[in-house]
């Protein structure tokens, strides 16, 4: 019996061409052996996905490093985008690579989650690449880490991007925002409140482990990137017997690619049709700091995290296997 399955894939790749001070994977260099292993793992995953014609798949690549500078990620996105049983294939990227390859992909299926890092790339270069995506009809969102030093650049970016392109803001890890500071970021991203505070998640129902899974390069299946317990293996099919509704074992969830799947939050409605690429439906216009823009009445401003129940005594927080990259939210 076929299933609707969302897969977050993260292989061995850990190298990145950027040197962001807030990212643990800045300027990391992978050995040739590791790169070959990553390529082989991705090709194996792509071949597996192509064979699952009885399922409906959605795939988000969430590499620790930058995937699109590697030809095998571009090829995987192109190939998967043309498979009729793949509903969406997306990747998190700093958009440092050329965009011409997207012309070979199916724009109805391909999507990009793009992060702008102001200290790492010229503004005009990044903006031009966003324009190329728009011209080619590639679905994408654009985001930035909400550090105080980034605010002016974020305002400039919002003013220059087409209004229909959603600009998201990730709360900087370890940074506490005053209400006044949060209001400035909310002017740019009406959904910033979801990122501002960690969400209490212990004991709450979550789609991960049922219709959403995390897969690593060896095919090990977990419910998400942040819960290390294994559900089985993708390639021997053992994971399928473990798919069922589950409650979250963590005290809190503070990363967008995790809490977006919590059933206690309305984010599947907010991002309907664009959960993987972080594109709301409809995209929320920015507020009146920019002339001619108004707040969308259909998507209320989010100024605080949704209140969750107290953590049950039998639930303890589990640690992520590795620190989260800044672009993942």
C-alpha atoms as a PDB file:
ATOM      1  CA  UNK A   1       0.000   0.000   0.000  1.00  0.00           C
ATOM      2  CA  UNK A   2       1.419   3.356  -1.014  1.00  0.00           C
ATOM      3  CA  UNK A   3       2.147   6.153   1.437  1.00  0.00           C
ATOM      4  CA  UNK A   4       2.574   9.913   1.319  1.00  0.00           C
ATOM      5  CA  UNK A   5       6.051  10.457   2.714  1.00  0.00           C
ATOM      6  CA  UNK A   6       8.165  13.551   3.297  1.00  0.00           C
ATOM      7  CA  UNK A   7      11.887  12.811   3.531  1.00  0.00           C
ATOM      8  CA  UNK A   8      14.576  15.079   4.949  1.00  0.00           C
ATOM      9  CA  UNK A   9      17.827  13.748   3.511  1.00  0.00           C
ATOM     10  CA  UNK A  10      21.233  14.612   4.934  1.00  0.00           C
ATOM     11  CA  UNK A  11      24.288  12.763   3.647  1.00  0.00           C
ATOM     12  CA  UNK A  12      27.945  12.859   4.744  1.00  0.00           C
ATOM     13  CA  UNK A  13      28.660  16.225   3.046  1.00  0.00           C
ATOM     14  CA  UNK A  14      29.867  18.797   5.586  1.00  0.00           C
ATOM     15  CA  UNK A  15      31.972  21.191   3.501  1.00  0.00           C
ATOM     16  CA  UNK A  16      30.895  24.758   2.841  1.00  0.00           C
ATOM     17  CA  UNK A  17      32.330  27.575   0.765  1.00  0.00           C
ATOM     18  CA  UNK A  18      31.202  30.222   3.281  1.00  0.00           C
ATOM     19  CA  UNK A  19      32.775  31.228   6.586  1.00  0.00           C
ATOM     20  CA  UNK A  20      29.807  32.409   8.649  1.00  0.00           C
ATOM     21  CA  UNK A  21      30.802  32.964  12.313  1.00  0.00           C
ATOM     22  CA  UNK A  22      27.422  31.643  13.496  1.00  0.00           C
ATOM     23  CA  UNK A  23      27.723  28.297  11.691  1.00  0.00           C
ATOM     24  CA  UNK A  24      29.696  25.281  12.994  1.00  0.00           C
ATOM     25  CA  UNK A  25      30.381  24.111   9.426  1.00  0.00           C
ATOM     26  CA  UNK A  26      31.993  27.315   8.141  1.00  0.00           C
ATOM     27  CA  UNK A  27      34.786  26.753   5.617  1.00  0.00           C
ATOM     28  CA  UNK A  28      34.935  23.067   6.384  1.00  0.00           C
ATOM     29  CA  UNK A  29      36.706  21.009   3.744  1.00  0.00           C
ATOM     30  CA  UNK A  30      35.717  17.423   3.036  1.00  0.00           C
ATOM     31  CA  UNK A  31      38.343  14.887   2.017  1.00  0.00           C
ATOM     32  CA  UNK A  32      38.106  13.344  -1.464  1.00  0.00           C
ATOM     33  CA  UNK A  33      37.054  10.092   0.202  1.00  0.00           C
ATOM     34  CA  UNK A  34      34.204  11.810   2.030  1.00  0.00           C
ATOM     35  CA  UNK A  35      33.047  13.539  -1.136  1.00  0.00           C
ATOM     36  CA  UNK A  36      33.024  10.239  -3.011  1.00  0.00           C
ATOM     37  CA  UNK A  37      31.049   8.665  -0.178  1.00  0.00           C
ATOM     38  CA  UNK A  38      28.567  11.527  -0.235  1.00  0.00           C
ATOM     39  CA  UNK A  39      28.120  11.232  -3.984  1.00  0.00           C
ATOM     40  CA  UNK A  40      27.588   7.468  -3.810  1.00  0.00           C
ATOM     41  CA  UNK A  41      25.115   7.852  -0.939  1.00  0.00           C
ATOM     42  CA  UNK A  42      23.106  10.485  -2.790  1.00  0.00           C
ATOM     43  CA  UNK A  43      23.028   8.459  -5.996  1.00  0.00           C
ATOM     44  CA  UNK A  44      21.808   5.455  -4.018  1.00  0.00           C
ATOM     45  CA  UNK A  45      19.071   7.537  -2.430  1.00  0.00           C
ATOM     46  CA  UNK A  46      18.011   9.005  -5.777  1.00  0.00           C
ATOM     47  CA  UNK A  47      17.813   5.529  -7.315  1.00  0.00           C
ATOM     48  CA  UNK A  48      15.712   4.320  -4.375  1.00  0.00           C
ATOM     49  CA  UNK A  49      13.350   7.282  -4.716  1.00  0.00           C
ATOM     50  CA  UNK A  50      12.926   6.618  -8.435  1.00  0.00           C
ATOM     51  CA  UNK A  51      11.785   3.072  -7.680  1.00  0.00           C
ATOM     52  CA  UNK A  52       9.072   4.072  -5.179  1.00  0.00           C
ATOM     53  CA  UNK A  53       6.413   4.537  -7.827  1.00  0.00           C
ATOM     54  CA  UNK A  54       3.657   3.337  -5.510  1.00  0.00           C
ATOM     55  CA  UNK A  55       4.325   6.134  -3.004  1.00  0.00           C
ATOM     56  CA  UNK A  56       3.991   9.914  -3.155  1.00  0.00           C
ATOM     57  CA  UNK A  57       7.297  11.450  -2.104  1.00  0.00           C
ATOM     58  CA  UNK A  58       8.425  14.930  -1.116  1.00  0.00           C
ATOM     59  CA  UNK A  59      12.149  15.437  -0.524  1.00  0.00           C
ATOM     60  CA  UNK A  60      14.099  18.191   1.209  1.00  0.00           C
ATOM     61  CA  UNK A  61      17.885  18.052   1.111  1.00  0.00           C
ATOM     62  CA  UNK A  62      19.306  19.586   4.291  1.00  0.00           C
ATOM     63  CA  UNK A  63      23.093  19.223   3.928  1.00  0.00           C
ATOM     64  CA  UNK A  64      25.378  20.369   6.707  1.00  0.00           C
ATOM     65  CA  UNK A  65      27.425  22.124   4.045  1.00  0.00           C
ATOM     66  CA  UNK A  66      26.580  23.628   0.656  1.00  0.00           C
ATOM     67  CA  UNK A  67      25.201  21.047  -1.733  1.00  0.00           C
ATOM     68  CA  UNK A  68      24.591  22.956  -4.946  1.00  0.00           C
ATOM     69  CA  UNK A  69      28.295  23.545  -5.583  1.00  0.00           C
ATOM     70  CA  UNK A  70      28.466  19.753  -6.070  1.00  0.00           C
ATOM     71  CA  UNK A  71      27.271  18.440  -9.419  1.00  0.00           C
ATOM     72  CA  UNK A  72      25.627  15.369  -7.914  1.00  0.00           C
ATOM     73  CA  UNK A  73      23.165  17.458  -5.898  1.00  0.00           C
ATOM     74  CA  UNK A  74      22.169  19.466  -8.949  1.00  0.00           C
ATOM     75  CA  UNK A  75      21.723  16.269 -10.928  1.00  0.00           C
ATOM     76  CA  UNK A  76      19.660  14.646  -8.164  1.00  0.00           C
ATOM     77  CA  UNK A  77      17.334  17.638  -8.004  1.00  0.00           C
ATOM     78  CA  UNK A  78      16.866  17.612 -11.770  1.00  0.00           C
ATOM     79  CA  UNK A  79      16.195  13.874 -11.930  1.00  0.00           C
ATOM     80  CA  UNK A  80      13.816  13.785  -8.976  1.00  0.00           C
ATOM     81  CA  UNK A  81      11.883  16.802 -10.249  1.00  0.00           C
ATOM     82  CA  UNK A  82      10.813  14.845 -13.340  1.00  0.00           C
ATOM     83  CA  UNK A  83       9.470  11.807 -11.485  1.00  0.00           C
ATOM     84  CA  UNK A  84       5.645  11.807 -11.481  1.00  0.00           C
ATOM     85  CA  UNK A  85       5.424  10.381  -7.947  1.00  0.00           C
ATOM     86  CA  UNK A  86       7.685  13.104  -6.496  1.00  0.00           C
ATOM     87  CA  UNK A  87       5.492  16.002  -5.442  1.00  0.00           C
ATOM     88  CA  UNK A  88       8.289  18.369  -4.410  1.00  0.00           C
ATOM     89  CA  UNK A  89      12.085  18.289  -4.276  1.00  0.00           C
ATOM     90  CA  UNK A  90      13.870  21.133  -2.524  1.00  0.00           C
ATOM     91  CA  UNK A  91      17.241  22.002  -1.019  1.00  0.00           C
ATOM     92  CA  UNK A  92      18.610  24.461   1.513  1.00  0.00           C
ATOM     93  CA  UNK A  93      21.295  26.571  -0.156  1.00  0.00           C
ATOM     94  CA  UNK A  94      23.369  29.737   0.154  1.00  0.00           C
ATOM     95  CA  UNK A  95      22.815  30.238  -3.594  1.00  0.00           C
ATOM     96  CA  UNK A  96      26.535  30.615  -4.282  1.00  0.00           C
ATOM     97  CA  UNK A  97      26.364  28.384  -7.363  1.00  0.00           C
ATOM     98  CA  UNK A  98      25.193  29.301 -10.839  1.00  0.00           C
ATOM     99  CA  UNK A  99      21.467  28.929 -11.458  1.00  0.00           C
ATOM    100  CA  UNK A 100      21.467  27.827 -15.101  1.00  0.00           C
ATOM    101  CA  UNK A 101      21.087  24.159 -14.146  1.00  0.00           C
ATOM    102  CA  UNK A 102      17.520  24.842 -12.961  1.00  0.00           C
ATOM    103  CA  UNK A 103      16.422  25.123 -16.602  1.00  0.00           C
ATOM    104  CA  UNK A 104      16.745  21.327 -16.847  1.00  0.00           C
ATOM    105  CA  UNK A 105      14.433  20.715 -13.878  1.00  0.00           C
ATOM    106  CA  UNK A 106      10.643  20.669 -13.768  1.00  0.00           C
ATOM    107  CA  UNK A 107       9.687  24.040 -12.227  1.00  0.00           C
ATOM    108  CA  UNK A 108       6.404  22.570 -11.006  1.00  0.00           C
ATOM    109  CA  UNK A 109       8.356  20.305  -8.638  1.00  0.00           C
ATOM    110  CA  UNK A 110      11.706  21.988  -7.920  1.00  0.00           C
ATOM    111  CA  UNK A 111      12.055  24.532  -5.103  1.00  0.00           C
ATOM    112  CA  UNK A 112      14.937  26.259  -3.299  1.00  0.00           C
ATOM    113  CA  UNK A 113      15.262  27.448   0.301  1.00  0.00           C
ATOM    114  CA  UNK A 114      17.822  30.255  -0.050  1.00  0.00           C
ATOM    115  CA  UNK A 115      19.745  31.966   2.742  1.00  0.00           C
ATOM    116  CA  UNK A 116      21.501  35.316   2.373  1.00  0.00           C
ATOM    117  CA  UNK A 117      24.679  35.697   4.441  1.00  0.00           C
ATOM    118  CA  UNK A 118      25.604  39.417   4.224  1.00  0.00           C
ATOM    119  CA  UNK A 119      29.263  39.025   5.185  1.00  0.00           C
ATOM    120  CA  UNK A 120      29.939  36.246   2.683  1.00  0.00           C
ATOM    121  CA  UNK A 121      28.741  37.445  -0.711  1.00  0.00           C
ATOM    122  CA  UNK A 122      28.208  40.781  -2.473  1.00  0.00           C
ATOM    123  CA  UNK A 123      24.609  41.915  -2.101  1.00  0.00           C
ATOM    124  CA  UNK A 124      24.098  42.617  -5.798  1.00  0.00           C
ATOM    125  CA  UNK A 125      25.370  39.157  -6.737  1.00  0.00           C
ATOM    126  CA  UNK A 126      22.945  37.424  -4.385  1.00  0.00           C
ATOM    127  CA  UNK A 127      20.037  39.606  -5.491  1.00  0.00           C
ATOM    128  CA  UNK A 128      20.824  38.923  -9.152  1.00  0.00           C
ATOM    129  CA  UNK A 129      20.660  35.185  -8.536  1.00  0.00           C
ATOM    130  CA  UNK A 130      17.292  35.586  -6.834  1.00  0.00           C
ATOM    131  CA  UNK A 131      16.178  37.458  -9.930  1.00  0.00           C
ATOM    132  CA  UNK A 132      17.371  34.604 -12.125  1.00  0.00           C
ATOM    133  CA  UNK A 133      15.288  32.146 -10.111  1.00  0.00           C
ATOM    134  CA  UNK A 134      12.236  34.357 -10.475  1.00  0.00           C
ATOM    135  CA  UNK A 135      12.789  34.717 -14.220  1.00  0.00           C
ATOM    136  CA  UNK A 136      13.076  30.947 -14.597  1.00  0.00           C
ATOM    137  CA  UNK A 137       9.921  30.376 -12.566  1.00  0.00           C
ATOM    138  CA  UNK A 138      11.692  28.464  -9.783  1.00  0.00           C
ATOM    139  CA  UNK A 139       9.788  28.432  -6.500  1.00  0.00           C
ATOM    140  CA  UNK A 140      11.965  29.768  -3.705  1.00  0.00           C
ATOM    141  CA  UNK A 141      12.045  31.528  -0.401  1.00  0.00           C
ATOM    142  CA  UNK A 142      14.814  33.840   0.776  1.00  0.00           C
ATOM    143  CA  UNK A 143      15.950  34.267   4.341  1.00  0.00           C
ATOM    144  CA  UNK A 144      18.470  35.754   6.701  1.00  0.00           C
ATOM    145  CA  UNK A 145      19.686  35.162  10.245  1.00  0.00           C
ATOM    146  CA  UNK A 146      18.198  37.812  12.525  1.00  0.00           C
ATOM    147  CA  UNK A 147      21.387  39.293  13.940  1.00  0.00           C
ATOM    148  CA  UNK A 148      21.297  43.024  14.790  1.00  0.00           C
ATOM    149  CA  UNK A 149      24.085  43.679  12.280  1.00  0.00           C
ATOM    150  CA  UNK A 150      21.914  42.165   9.528  1.00  0.00           C
ATOM    151  CA  UNK A 151      18.842  44.353  10.005  1.00  0.00           C
ATOM    152  CA  UNK A 152      19.685  47.067   7.477  1.00  0.00           C
ATOM    153  CA  UNK A 153      20.642  44.496   4.859  1.00  0.00           C
ATOM    154  CA  UNK A 154      17.437  42.594   5.528  1.00  0.00           C
ATOM    155  CA  UNK A 155      15.403  45.766   5.002  1.00  0.00           C
ATOM    156  CA  UNK A 156      17.228  46.421   1.761  1.00  0.00           C
ATOM    157  CA  UNK A 157      16.631  42.860   0.625  1.00  0.00           C
ATOM    158  CA  UNK A 158      12.919  43.029   1.396  1.00  0.00           C
ATOM    159  CA  UNK A 159      12.610  46.263  -0.559  1.00  0.00           C
ATOM    160  CA  UNK A 160      14.416  44.831  -3.593  1.00  0.00           C
ATOM    161  CA  UNK A 161      12.849  41.368  -3.760  1.00  0.00           C
ATOM    162  CA  UNK A 162       9.569  40.917  -5.621  1.00  0.00           C
ATOM    163  CA  UNK A 163       6.700  41.228  -3.167  1.00  0.00           C
ATOM    164  CA  UNK A 164       5.558  37.672  -3.854  1.00  0.00           C
ATOM    165  CA  UNK A 165       8.915  36.263  -2.689  1.00  0.00           C
ATOM    166  CA  UNK A 166       8.702  35.450   1.006  1.00  0.00           C
ATOM    167  CA  UNK A 167      11.548  36.795   3.143  1.00  0.00           C
ATOM    168  CA  UNK A 168      11.907  34.724   6.303  1.00  0.00           C
ATOM    169  CA  UNK A 169      13.994  35.588   9.336  1.00  0.00           C
ATOM    170  CA  UNK A 170      15.599  32.994  11.597  1.00  0.00           C
ATOM    171  CA  UNK A 171      16.074  33.986  15.209  1.00  0.00           C
ATOM    172  CA  UNK A 172      19.811  33.894  15.846  1.00  0.00           C
ATOM    173  CA  UNK A 173      20.763  30.958  18.039  1.00  0.00           C
ATOM    174  CA  UNK A 174      21.411  32.091  21.611  1.00  0.00           C
ATOM    175  CA  UNK A 175      20.095  35.608  20.965  1.00  0.00           C
ATOM    176  CA  UNK A 176      17.247  37.019  23.062  1.00  0.00           C
ATOM    177  CA  UNK A 177      15.022  39.612  21.391  1.00  0.00           C
ATOM    178  CA  UNK A 178      13.315  42.453  23.203  1.00  0.00           C
ATOM    179  CA  UNK A 179       9.773  43.175  22.076  1.00  0.00           C
ATOM    180  CA  UNK A 180      11.044  46.251  20.234  1.00  0.00           C
ATOM    181  CA  UNK A 181      13.716  44.236  18.424  1.00  0.00           C
ATOM    182  CA  UNK A 182      11.243  41.495  17.573  1.00  0.00           C
ATOM    183  CA  UNK A 183       8.855  44.096  16.171  1.00  0.00           C
ATOM    184  CA  UNK A 184      11.534  45.295  13.749  1.00  0.00           C
ATOM    185  CA  UNK A 185      12.057  41.782  12.412  1.00  0.00           C
ATOM    186  CA  UNK A 186       8.324  41.113  12.320  1.00  0.00           C
ATOM    187  CA  UNK A 187       7.943  44.106  10.007  1.00  0.00           C
ATOM    188  CA  UNK A 188      10.015  42.119   7.527  1.00  0.00           C
ATOM    189  CA  UNK A 189       8.715  38.636   8.313  1.00  0.00           C
ATOM    190  CA  UNK A 190       5.182  38.493   9.760  1.00  0.00           C
ATOM    191  CA  UNK A 191       5.928  34.914  10.849  1.00  0.00           C
ATOM    192  CA  UNK A 192       9.068  35.784  12.826  1.00  0.00           C
ATOM    193  CA  UNK A 193       7.265  35.054  16.092  1.00  0.00           C
ATOM    194  CA  UNK A 194       7.380  31.350  15.348  1.00  0.00           C
ATOM    195  CA  UNK A 195      11.183  31.514  15.255  1.00  0.00           C
ATOM    196  CA  UNK A 196      11.680  33.945  18.144  1.00  0.00           C
ATOM    197  CA  UNK A 197      11.180  31.421  20.958  1.00  0.00           C
ATOM    198  CA  UNK A 198      11.682  27.648  21.165  1.00  0.00           C
ATOM    199  CA  UNK A 199       8.421  25.720  21.153  1.00  0.00           C
ATOM    200  CA  UNK A 200       7.571  23.398  24.008  1.00  0.00           C
ATOM    201  CA  UNK A 201       7.119  20.083  22.294  1.00  0.00           C
ATOM    202  CA  UNK A 202       7.375  17.359  24.942  1.00  0.00           C
ATOM    203  CA  UNK A 203       4.519  14.909  24.655  1.00  0.00           C
ATOM    204  CA  UNK A 204       2.891  16.774  21.781  1.00  0.00           C
ATOM    205  CA  UNK A 205       1.810  15.020  18.573  1.00  0.00           C
ATOM    206  CA  UNK A 206       4.146  15.486  15.634  1.00  0.00           C
ATOM    207  CA  UNK A 207       4.016  14.280  12.048  1.00  0.00           C
ATOM    208  CA  UNK A 208       7.624  13.109  12.181  1.00  0.00           C
ATOM    209  CA  UNK A 209       7.889   9.357  12.431  1.00  0.00           C
ATOM    210  CA  UNK A 210       4.576   8.906  10.645  1.00  0.00           C
ATOM    211  CA  UNK A 211       4.445  10.905   7.404  1.00  0.00           C
ATOM    212  CA  UNK A 212       7.819  12.658   7.806  1.00  0.00           C
ATOM    213  CA  UNK A 213      11.205  10.985   8.266  1.00  0.00           C
ATOM    214  CA  UNK A 214      14.894  11.862   8.333  1.00  0.00           C
ATOM    215  CA  UNK A 215      17.370   9.780   6.331  1.00  0.00           C
ATOM    216  CA  UNK A 216      21.167   9.815   6.479  1.00  0.00           C
ATOM    217  CA  UNK A 217      23.713   8.662   3.929  1.00  0.00           C
ATOM    218  CA  UNK A 218      23.653   5.068   5.139  1.00  0.00           C
ATOM    219  CA  UNK A 219      19.882   4.932   4.820  1.00  0.00           C
ATOM    220  CA  UNK A 220      19.299   5.018   8.573  1.00  0.00           C
ATOM    221  CA  UNK A 221      15.815   6.376   9.202  1.00  0.00           C
ATOM    222  CA  UNK A 222      14.947   8.555  12.179  1.00  0.00           C
ATOM    223  CA  UNK A 223      11.791  10.497  12.855  1.00  0.00           C
ATOM    224  CA  UNK A 224      13.626  13.825  12.452  1.00  0.00           C
ATOM    225  CA  UNK A 225      17.114  15.307  12.534  1.00  0.00           C
ATOM    226  CA  UNK A 226      16.818  16.079  16.242  1.00  0.00           C
ATOM    227  CA  UNK A 227      15.722  12.736  17.707  1.00  0.00           C
ATOM    228  CA  UNK A 228      18.531  10.156  17.424  1.00  0.00           C
ATOM    229  CA  UNK A 229      16.418   7.020  17.957  1.00  0.00           C
ATOM    230  CA  UNK A 230      16.448   4.856  14.812  1.00  0.00           C
ATOM    231  CA  UNK A 231      13.288   3.580  13.100  1.00  0.00           C
ATOM    232  CA  UNK A 232      14.971   1.206  10.673  1.00  0.00           C
ATOM    233  CA  UNK A 233      16.684   1.430   7.315  1.00  0.00           C
ATOM    234  CA  UNK A 234      15.396   2.916   4.090  1.00  0.00           C
ATOM    235  CA  UNK A 235      16.987   0.374   1.792  1.00  0.00           C
ATOM    236  CA  UNK A 236      15.894  -2.837   3.477  1.00  0.00           C
ATOM    237  CA  UNK A 237      12.391  -1.453   4.029  1.00  0.00           C
ATOM    238  CA  UNK A 238      12.485  -2.046   7.785  1.00  0.00           C
ATOM    239  CA  UNK A 239      11.454   1.547   8.511  1.00  0.00           C
ATOM    240  CA  UNK A 240       7.966   1.108   7.046  1.00  0.00           C
ATOM    241  CA  UNK A 241       6.710  -1.053   9.905  1.00  0.00           C
ATOM    242  CA  UNK A 242       7.773   1.701  12.323  1.00  0.00           C
ATOM    243  CA  UNK A 243       5.762   4.495  10.667  1.00  0.00           C
ATOM    244  CA  UNK A 244       3.054   5.594  13.085  1.00  0.00           C
ATOM    245  CA  UNK A 245       1.895   8.714  14.930  1.00  0.00           C
ATOM    246  CA  UNK A 246       4.241   9.702  17.733  1.00  0.00           C
ATOM    247  CA  UNK A 247       4.606  12.355  20.396  1.00  0.00           C
ATOM    248  CA  UNK A 248       7.753  14.427  20.675  1.00  0.00           C
ATOM    249  CA  UNK A 249      10.331  13.233  23.245  1.00  0.00           C
ATOM    250  CA  UNK A 250      12.193  16.551  23.347  1.00  0.00           C
ATOM    251  CA  UNK A 251      11.512  19.293  25.859  1.00  0.00           C
ATOM    252  CA  UNK A 252      11.534  21.972  23.160  1.00  0.00           C
ATOM    253  CA  UNK A 253      11.879  22.272  19.394  1.00  0.00           C
ATOM    254  CA  UNK A 254      13.695  25.371  18.156  1.00  0.00           C
ATOM    255  CA  UNK A 255      14.406  24.654  14.489  1.00  0.00           C
ATOM    256  CA  UNK A 256      11.953  25.390  11.682  1.00  0.00           C
ATOM    257  CA  UNK A 257      12.499  22.064   9.924  1.00  0.00           C
ATOM    258  CA  UNK A 258      11.473  20.411  13.178  1.00  0.00           C
ATOM    259  CA  UNK A 259       8.643  22.461  14.661  1.00  0.00           C
ATOM    260  CA  UNK A 260       6.938  23.022  11.313  1.00  0.00           C
ATOM    261  CA  UNK A 261       5.727  19.418  11.667  1.00  0.00           C
ATOM    262  CA  UNK A 262       4.223  19.823  15.159  1.00  0.00           C
ATOM    263  CA  UNK A 263       0.480  19.258  15.016  1.00  0.00           C
ATOM    264  CA  UNK A 264       0.016  21.798  17.817  1.00  0.00           C
ATOM    265  CA  UNK A 265       1.128  24.581  15.461  1.00  0.00           C
ATOM    266  CA  UNK A 266      -0.836  25.759  12.392  1.00  0.00           C
ATOM    267  CA  UNK A 267       2.170  25.801  10.089  1.00  0.00           C
ATOM    268  CA  UNK A 268       0.936  23.153   7.654  1.00  0.00           C
ATOM    269  CA  UNK A 269      -1.900  25.562   6.887  1.00  0.00           C
ATOM    270  CA  UNK A 270       0.348  28.635   6.898  1.00  0.00           C
ATOM    271  CA  UNK A 271       2.798  26.964   4.495  1.00  0.00           C
ATOM    272  CA  UNK A 272       0.229  24.932   2.566  1.00  0.00           C
ATOM    273  CA  UNK A 273       1.859  23.739  -0.642  1.00  0.00           C
ATOM    274  CA  UNK A 274       5.263  25.063   0.423  1.00  0.00           C
ATOM    275  CA  UNK A 275       6.217  23.380   3.685  1.00  0.00           C
ATOM    276  CA  UNK A 276       9.529  22.048   2.369  1.00  0.00           C
ATOM    277  CA  UNK A 277      10.728  25.250   0.710  1.00  0.00           C
ATOM    278  CA  UNK A 278       9.284  27.518   3.438  1.00  0.00           C
ATOM    279  CA  UNK A 279       6.915  29.353   1.113  1.00  0.00           C
ATOM    280  CA  UNK A 280       3.657  30.444   2.768  1.00  0.00           C
ATOM    281  CA  UNK A 281       0.350  30.323   0.973  1.00  0.00           C
ATOM    282  CA  UNK A 282      -0.282  33.093   0.238  1.00  0.00           C
ATOM    283  CA  UNK A 283       3.068  34.817   0.825  1.00  0.00           C
ATOM    284  CA  UNK A 284       2.630  37.420   3.578  1.00  0.00           C
ATOM    285  CA  UNK A 285       3.372  40.967   2.385  1.00  0.00           C
ATOM    286  CA  UNK A 286       5.660  43.053   4.587  1.00  0.00           C
ATOM    287  CA  UNK A 287       4.405  45.889   6.783  1.00  0.00           C
ATOM    288  CA  UNK A 288       4.333  49.597   6.162  1.00  0.00           C
ATOM    289  CA  UNK A 289       8.007  50.433   6.737  1.00  0.00           C
ATOM    290  CA  UNK A 290       8.279  50.000   2.968  1.00  0.00           C
ATOM    291  CA  UNK A 291       6.025  52.318   0.994  1.00  0.00           C
ATOM    292  CA  UNK A 292       3.123  50.558  -0.667  1.00  0.00           C
ATOM    293  CA  UNK A 293       3.237  47.397   1.454  1.00  0.00           C
ATOM    294  CA  UNK A 294       0.583  46.351   3.941  1.00  0.00           C
ATOM    295  CA  UNK A 295       0.107  43.460   6.320  1.00  0.00           C
ATOM    296  CA  UNK A 296      -1.868  40.595   4.857  1.00  0.00           C
ATOM    297  CA  UNK A 297      -5.163  40.255   6.749  1.00  0.00           C
ATOM    298  CA  UNK A 298      -5.201  36.515   6.053  1.00  0.00           C
ATOM    299  CA  UNK A 299      -1.990  35.808   7.987  1.00  0.00           C
ATOM    300  CA  UNK A 300      -1.876  37.462  11.422  1.00  0.00           C
ATOM    301  CA  UNK A 301       1.380  38.741  12.823  1.00  0.00           C
ATOM    302  CA  UNK A 302       3.013  36.266  15.165  1.00  0.00           C
ATOM    303  CA  UNK A 303       4.672  38.069  18.048  1.00  0.00           C
ATOM    304  CA  UNK A 304       5.212  35.268  20.547  1.00  0.00           C
ATOM    305  CA  UNK A 305       5.654  31.538  20.548  1.00  0.00           C
ATOM    306  CA  UNK A 306       2.507  29.484  20.912  1.00  0.00           C
ATOM    307  CA  UNK A 307       2.032  28.545  24.572  1.00  0.00           C
ATOM    308  CA  UNK A 308       2.538  24.859  25.127  1.00  0.00           C
ATOM    309  CA  UNK A 309       1.716  22.683  28.144  1.00  0.00           C
ATOM    310  CA  UNK A 310       4.292  22.015  30.848  1.00  0.00           C
ATOM    311  CA  UNK A 311       6.819  19.294  30.154  1.00  0.00           C
ATOM    312  CA  UNK A 312       5.619  15.928  31.517  1.00  0.00           C
ATOM    313  CA  UNK A 313       7.850  14.452  34.210  1.00  0.00           C
ATOM    314  CA  UNK A 314       8.675  11.389  32.121  1.00  0.00           C
ATOM    315  CA  UNK A 315       9.911  13.426  29.164  1.00  0.00           C
ATOM    316  CA  UNK A 316      13.484  14.676  29.030  1.00  0.00           C
ATOM    317  CA  UNK A 317      15.169  16.754  26.385  1.00  0.00           C
ATOM    318  CA  UNK A 318      17.317  14.859  23.925  1.00  0.00           C
ATOM    319  CA  UNK A 319      20.279  16.430  22.225  1.00  0.00           C
ATOM    320  CA  UNK A 320      20.654  16.763  18.484  1.00  0.00           C
ATOM    321  CA  UNK A 321      23.386  14.493  17.054  1.00  0.00           C
ATOM    322  CA  UNK A 322      25.143  17.607  15.684  1.00  0.00           C
ATOM    323  CA  UNK A 323      24.608  21.374  15.994  1.00  0.00           C
ATOM    324  CA  UNK A 324      22.097  22.774  13.547  1.00  0.00           C
ATOM    325  CA  UNK A 325      23.295  24.889  10.630  1.00  0.00           C
ATOM    326  CA  UNK A 326      22.069  28.481  10.729  1.00  0.00           C
ATOM    327  CA  UNK A 327      20.046  28.235   7.522  1.00  0.00           C
ATOM    328  CA  UNK A 328      17.770  25.477   8.773  1.00  0.00           C
ATOM    329  CA  UNK A 329      15.813  27.680  11.126  1.00  0.00           C
END
